[in-house]
């Protein structure tokens, strides 16, 4: 977090050097993605969602970094039982990195969770309206 505060403070100085701006953006992306990883490992899913969203908002994010961000945010959504959002992000991650078996496994897990939730909702509503 301290690194992110330092990068944010440096952005506020509005440097005109395009190389410094590019490096600060790249550093900000890496810091947000690393924060999201540690937040996932410590079950701070809401914070991981915020960190990955911030990384995705930075200009100059690469395709591989986008794939990481969507994967990590998708995992956080899935763990929070927000299966639709998880499936959406994990599909984006898979489109950016189609050979990643970890993304595919997480996508399948999110789809299974979504299917189970829909089946439960269907049973609940059928009891209400029968």
Protein backbone atom coordinates (compact mmCIF):
# COMPACT_ATOMS: atom_id res chain seq x y z
CA UNK A 1 0.00 0.00 0.00
CA UNK A 2 2.84 2.38 0.75
CA UNK A 3 4.14 1.92 -2.79
CA UNK A 4 0.74 2.81 -4.21
CA UNK A 5 0.60 5.98 -2.09
CA UNK A 6 4.06 6.94 -3.33
CA UNK A 7 3.09 6.41 -6.98
CA UNK A 8 -0.16 8.35 -6.48
CA UNK A 9 1.70 11.25 -4.87
CA UNK A 10 4.20 11.34 -7.71
CA UNK A 11 1.37 11.45 -10.26
CA UNK A 12 0.04 14.53 -8.52
CA UNK A 13 3.22 16.42 -9.41
CA UNK A 14 2.26 16.27 -13.11
CA UNK A 15 5.61 15.58 -14.67
CA UNK A 16 5.94 16.35 -18.36
CA UNK A 17 8.43 13.56 -19.03
CA UNK A 18 6.53 10.85 -20.96
CA UNK A 19 9.02 8.17 -19.91
CA UNK A 20 8.45 8.88 -16.23
CA UNK A 21 4.68 8.89 -16.75
CA UNK A 22 4.89 5.55 -18.56
CA UNK A 23 7.04 4.03 -15.79
CA UNK A 24 4.74 5.33 -13.06
CA UNK A 25 1.73 3.82 -14.81
CA UNK A 26 3.51 0.48 -15.25
CA UNK A 27 4.53 0.51 -11.59
CA UNK A 28 0.97 1.35 -10.53
CA UNK A 29 -0.40 -1.57 -12.54
CA UNK A 30 2.09 -4.00 -11.02
CA UNK A 31 1.43 -2.74 -7.50
CA UNK A 32 -2.34 -3.06 -7.89
CA UNK A 33 -2.05 -6.56 -9.35
CA UNK A 34 0.33 -7.67 -6.58
CA UNK A 35 -1.95 -6.14 -3.96
CA UNK A 36 -4.88 -8.07 -5.43
CA UNK A 37 -2.91 -11.31 -5.25
CA UNK A 38 -2.04 -10.81 -1.58
CA UNK A 39 -5.62 -9.74 -0.84
CA UNK A 40 -6.93 -12.94 -2.41
CA UNK A 41 -4.52 -14.99 -0.32
CA UNK A 42 -5.78 -13.28 2.85
CA UNK A 43 -9.48 -13.56 1.91
CA UNK A 44 -9.91 -9.83 1.34
CA UNK A 45 -12.03 -10.36 -1.75
CA UNK A 46 -13.70 -6.92 -1.81
CA UNK A 47 -10.29 -5.26 -1.66
CA UNK A 48 -8.97 -7.54 -4.40
CA UNK A 49 -11.87 -6.46 -6.61
CA UNK A 50 -11.00 -2.80 -5.98
CA UNK A 51 -7.29 -3.35 -6.69
CA UNK A 52 -7.87 -5.19 -9.96
CA UNK A 53 -10.44 -2.64 -11.09
CA UNK A 54 -7.94 0.15 -10.42
CA UNK A 55 -5.26 -1.71 -12.41
CA UNK A 56 -7.67 -2.11 -15.34
CA UNK A 57 -8.37 1.64 -15.30
CA UNK A 58 -4.73 2.62 -15.81
CA UNK A 59 -3.77 3.63 -19.35
CA UNK A 60 -1.14 1.41 -20.89
CA UNK A 61 -2.10 -1.88 -19.23
CA UNK A 62 -0.85 -4.77 -21.37
CA UNK A 63 -2.95 -7.70 -22.56
CA UNK A 64 -1.18 -10.10 -20.18
CA UNK A 65 -1.78 -7.71 -17.27
CA UNK A 66 -5.44 -7.42 -18.25
CA UNK A 67 -5.68 -11.22 -18.24
CA UNK A 68 -4.21 -11.33 -14.71
CA UNK A 69 -6.55 -8.60 -13.52
CA UNK A 70 -9.67 -10.24 -14.95
CA UNK A 71 -8.61 -13.63 -13.56
CA UNK A 72 -7.96 -12.29 -10.07
CA UNK A 73 -11.13 -10.21 -10.05
CA UNK A 74 -13.10 -13.19 -11.35
CA UNK A 75 -11.75 -15.35 -8.53
CA UNK A 76 -12.74 -12.72 -5.98
CA UNK A 77 -16.24 -12.44 -7.46
CA UNK A 78 -16.62 -16.23 -7.49
CA UNK A 79 -15.57 -16.53 -3.85
CA UNK A 80 -18.11 -13.83 -3.00
CA UNK A 81 -20.86 -15.82 -4.78
CA UNK A 82 -21.18 -13.21 -7.51
CA UNK A 83 -21.11 -15.92 -10.14
CA UNK A 84 -22.38 -13.86 -13.10
CA UNK A 85 -19.64 -11.28 -12.64
CA UNK A 86 -17.09 -14.05 -12.10
CA UNK A 87 -18.07 -15.81 -15.32
CA UNK A 88 -17.91 -12.51 -17.24
CA UNK A 89 -14.41 -11.65 -15.99
CA UNK A 90 -13.07 -15.18 -16.35
CA UNK A 91 -14.31 -15.32 -19.95
CA UNK A 92 -12.39 -12.10 -20.60
CA UNK A 93 -9.29 -13.58 -19.01
CA UNK A 94 -9.62 -16.74 -21.09
CA UNK A 95 -10.05 -14.71 -24.29
CA UNK A 96 -6.79 -12.91 -23.51
CA UNK A 97 -4.98 -16.09 -22.48
CA UNK A 98 -6.75 -19.08 -24.09
CA UNK A 99 -4.12 -21.66 -23.06
CA UNK A 100 -4.32 -21.01 -19.32
CA UNK A 101 -5.73 -24.10 -17.63
CA UNK A 102 -6.08 -22.26 -14.31
CA UNK A 103 -8.41 -19.71 -15.87
CA UNK A 104 -10.43 -22.47 -17.51
CA UNK A 105 -10.75 -24.38 -14.22
CA UNK A 106 -11.88 -21.25 -12.38
CA UNK A 107 -14.35 -20.43 -15.15
CA UNK A 108 -15.85 -23.92 -14.88
CA UNK A 109 -16.10 -23.56 -11.10
CA UNK A 110 -17.91 -20.22 -11.49
CA UNK A 111 -20.27 -21.68 -14.09
CA UNK A 112 -21.05 -24.58 -11.75
CA UNK A 113 -21.76 -22.15 -8.92
CA UNK A 114 -24.04 -20.12 -11.16
CA UNK A 115 -25.89 -23.26 -12.26
CA UNK A 116 -26.38 -24.41 -8.67
CA UNK A 117 -27.67 -21.00 -7.60
CA UNK A 118 -30.13 -20.88 -10.47
CA UNK A 119 -31.39 -24.38 -9.62
CA UNK A 120 -31.90 -23.34 -6.00
CA UNK A 121 -33.76 -20.20 -7.08
CA UNK A 122 -35.93 -22.25 -9.41
CA UNK A 123 -36.87 -24.63 -6.58
CA UNK A 124 -37.59 -21.74 -4.24
CA UNK A 125 -39.81 -19.92 -6.73
CA UNK A 126 -41.62 -23.10 -7.74
CA UNK A 127 -42.61 -23.63 -4.08
CA UNK A 128 -43.79 -20.03 -3.78
CA UNK A 129 -45.94 -20.09 -6.91
CA UNK A 130 -47.32 -23.62 -6.63
